Protein backbone atom coordinates (compact mmCIF):
# COMPACT_ATOMS: atom_id res chain seq x y z
CA MET A 1 -100.90 11.00 -15.98
CA ILE A 2 -97.89 8.51 -16.23
CA LEU A 3 -96.18 10.16 -19.05
CA ASN A 4 -96.46 13.68 -17.23
CA LYS A 5 -94.95 12.03 -14.29
CA ILE A 6 -92.27 10.39 -16.56
CA TYR A 7 -91.63 13.83 -17.88
CA LYS A 8 -91.26 15.35 -14.22
CA ASN A 9 -88.85 12.72 -13.15
CA ALA A 10 -86.81 13.39 -16.37
CA PHE A 11 -86.72 16.85 -16.09
CA LEU A 12 -86.19 16.48 -12.20
CA VAL A 13 -83.02 14.31 -13.07
CA ILE A 14 -81.53 16.50 -15.74
CA LEU A 15 -81.72 19.54 -13.30
CA LEU A 16 -79.80 17.63 -10.49
CA SER A 17 -77.13 16.33 -12.82
CA VAL A 18 -76.66 20.27 -14.07
CA LEU A 19 -76.47 21.39 -10.48
CA LEU A 20 -74.28 18.89 -9.23
CA SER A 21 -71.90 19.05 -12.24
CA ALA A 22 -71.72 22.76 -11.61
CA CYS A 23 -70.84 22.51 -7.90
CA ALA A 24 -68.20 20.25 -9.16
CA THR A 25 -66.48 22.23 -11.25
CA GLN A 26 -63.07 24.01 -9.95
CA LYS A 27 -62.77 27.60 -9.75
CA LYS A 28 -59.89 28.92 -11.28
CA ALA A 29 -57.34 30.49 -8.72
CA SER A 30 -56.69 33.92 -9.50
CA ILE A 31 -53.31 34.74 -10.59
CA GLY A 32 -51.80 37.61 -9.23
CA GLN A 33 -52.42 39.67 -6.46
CA MET A 34 -52.01 42.90 -5.22
CA GLN A 35 -50.65 44.38 -2.10
CA GLY A 36 -51.35 48.26 -1.83
CA ASP A 37 -50.53 48.81 -5.31
CA VAL A 38 -47.84 46.16 -5.86
CA TYR A 39 -48.03 43.33 -7.63
CA THR A 40 -47.26 40.28 -5.48
CA GLY A 41 -48.29 37.43 -7.66
CA THR A 42 -46.09 34.66 -9.89
CA ASP A 43 -47.43 34.30 -12.85
CA THR A 44 -45.29 36.71 -14.55
CA VAL A 45 -42.12 35.76 -12.70
CA GLU A 46 -39.42 33.94 -14.20
CA TYR A 47 -36.05 32.29 -12.56
CA LEU A 48 -32.65 32.88 -12.89
CA ALA A 49 -32.03 29.85 -10.94
CA ASP A 50 -34.08 27.32 -8.72
CA GLY A 51 -35.83 29.32 -6.43
CA VAL A 52 -34.45 32.74 -7.49
CA ALA A 53 -37.02 34.99 -9.11
CA ASP A 54 -35.96 37.41 -12.08
CA ARG A 55 -37.99 40.17 -10.93
CA VAL A 56 -39.05 42.79 -8.57
CA PHE A 57 -42.03 45.04 -8.39
CA PHE A 58 -42.48 48.55 -7.34
CA ALA A 59 -45.25 50.75 -6.40
CA THR A 60 -46.83 53.60 -8.65
CA ASN A 61 -44.27 56.25 -9.44
CA GLU A 62 -41.82 54.97 -6.66
CA SER A 63 -38.00 53.38 -7.56
CA ILE A 64 -37.92 52.61 -3.59
CA LEU A 65 -37.69 48.72 -2.89
CA THR A 66 -40.20 46.86 -1.17
CA THR A 67 -39.38 44.44 1.56
CA ALA A 68 -40.37 41.56 -1.07
CA SER A 69 -38.19 43.22 -3.97
CA ARG A 70 -35.02 43.21 -0.86
CA ASP A 71 -35.70 39.36 0.11
CA THR A 72 -35.59 38.82 -4.14
CA LEU A 73 -32.57 40.86 -4.03
CA ARG A 74 -30.75 39.17 -1.23
CA LYS A 75 -31.50 35.69 -3.12
CA GLN A 76 -30.30 36.97 -6.37
CA ALA A 77 -27.29 38.22 -4.78
CA ALA A 78 -26.31 34.86 -2.78
CA TRP A 79 -26.65 33.20 -6.06
CA MET A 80 -24.37 35.75 -7.92
CA ARG A 81 -21.64 35.41 -5.39
CA LYS A 82 -21.85 31.43 -6.15
CA ASN A 83 -21.42 32.08 -9.72
CA SER A 84 -19.14 34.48 -9.54
CA SER A 85 -18.72 34.45 -13.62
CA VAL A 86 -22.25 35.62 -14.42
CA THR A 87 -23.03 39.13 -15.26
CA VAL A 88 -26.26 40.57 -15.40
CA VAL A 89 -28.75 43.26 -17.18
CA LEU A 90 -31.18 44.88 -14.72
CA GLU A 91 -33.79 46.06 -16.88
CA GLY A 92 -36.34 48.93 -15.81
CA HIS A 93 -39.92 48.97 -16.61
CA ALA A 94 -42.68 51.04 -16.26
CA ASP A 95 -46.64 50.73 -16.63
CA GLU A 96 -48.11 52.45 -19.62
CA ARG A 97 -49.05 55.51 -17.76
CA GLY A 98 -46.89 58.87 -18.23
CA THR A 99 -44.74 60.25 -21.09
CA ARG A 100 -42.17 58.27 -22.79
CA GLU A 101 -39.32 60.10 -21.19
CA TYR A 102 -40.75 59.85 -17.62
CA ASN A 103 -41.11 56.39 -17.94
CA LEU A 104 -37.76 55.91 -19.44
CA ALA A 105 -36.29 57.78 -16.18
CA LEU A 106 -38.44 55.91 -13.82
CA GLY A 107 -37.18 52.45 -15.30
CA GLU A 108 -33.72 53.52 -14.79
CA ARG A 109 -34.08 54.67 -11.50
CA ARG A 110 -35.72 51.40 -10.64
CA ALA A 111 -33.14 49.17 -12.26
CA ASN A 112 -30.32 51.42 -10.66
CA ALA A 113 -32.00 50.81 -7.07
CA ALA A 114 -31.92 47.30 -7.84
CA LYS A 115 -28.26 47.61 -8.63
CA ASP A 116 -27.53 49.22 -5.61
CA TYR A 117 -28.99 46.77 -3.18
CA LEU A 118 -26.92 44.16 -4.84
CA MET A 119 -23.30 45.85 -4.99
CA THR A 120 -24.47 46.27 -0.78
CA TYR A 121 -24.50 42.34 -0.66
CA GLY A 122 -21.04 42.50 -2.48
CA ILE A 123 -21.92 41.69 -6.12
CA SER A 124 -19.28 44.20 -7.95
CA SER A 125 -20.61 47.00 -10.30
CA ASN A 126 -18.86 45.65 -13.40
CA ARG A 127 -21.03 42.34 -12.96
CA ILE A 128 -24.13 44.65 -13.10
CA SER A 129 -25.32 46.73 -16.07
CA VAL A 130 -28.52 48.65 -16.12
CA ILE A 131 -30.79 49.64 -19.27
CA SER A 132 -34.50 51.21 -19.06
CA TYR A 133 -37.23 50.09 -21.67
CA GLY A 134 -39.81 52.43 -19.90
CA LYS A 135 -43.25 51.82 -20.82
CA GLU A 136 -41.66 49.93 -24.37
CA ARG A 137 -42.28 46.27 -23.11
CA PRO A 138 -45.17 45.64 -20.80
CA VAL A 139 -45.45 41.99 -19.15
CA ASP A 140 -49.17 42.72 -19.75
CA SER A 141 -50.97 45.05 -21.98
CA GLY A 142 -54.05 45.43 -20.23
CA SER A 143 -54.94 49.04 -19.41
CA ASN A 144 -56.14 48.02 -15.49
CA PRO A 145 -54.23 48.56 -11.77
CA LEU A 146 -53.00 45.12 -12.06
CA ALA A 147 -51.60 45.04 -15.36
CA TRP A 148 -49.84 48.31 -14.52
CA SER A 149 -48.57 46.53 -11.18
CA LYS A 150 -47.07 43.96 -13.11
CA ASN A 151 -45.60 46.45 -15.57
CA ARG A 152 -43.72 48.26 -12.66
CA ARG A 153 -40.91 46.15 -12.47
CA SER A 154 -37.01 45.59 -12.55
CA VAL A 155 -35.63 42.36 -14.33
CA THR A 156 -32.53 40.58 -13.70
CA VAL A 157 -31.38 38.71 -16.95
CA LYS A 158 -28.23 37.21 -17.56
CA ALA A 159 -25.67 38.71 -19.88
CA ASN A 160 -24.67 36.95 -23.15
């Protein structure tokens, strides 16, 4: 009887320990969110300078700049005005869906949309070049809506 009570108490202590440790485990934050079908997270973003993101994201089959994209490009333009010797390459990208040719053209439209916007903020066109990689350089190789959203982008890179 006493041995039975000891086993029961030991079992309860182990069970409570397991339950308490499960409660103490921190839940990982979700990296990457989507607003509609446009990625709004930061896990793929790098920076041109402190506080100046290097990329903007697009909706499916679109080259129209979102409000968030315009805000990012305004910050890039302000930084480029302060750093007048810097030239950049705007890389246009697309997700894996669609033909190679379609995605190359879409990537070019996206990069040109970013270029045009930077030019409206006083950045000379001779400081900006455009290249499209289409779907050839995904940042996320997944085949799902979040991965596709991360890959629909224009990335601003300092030219060498």
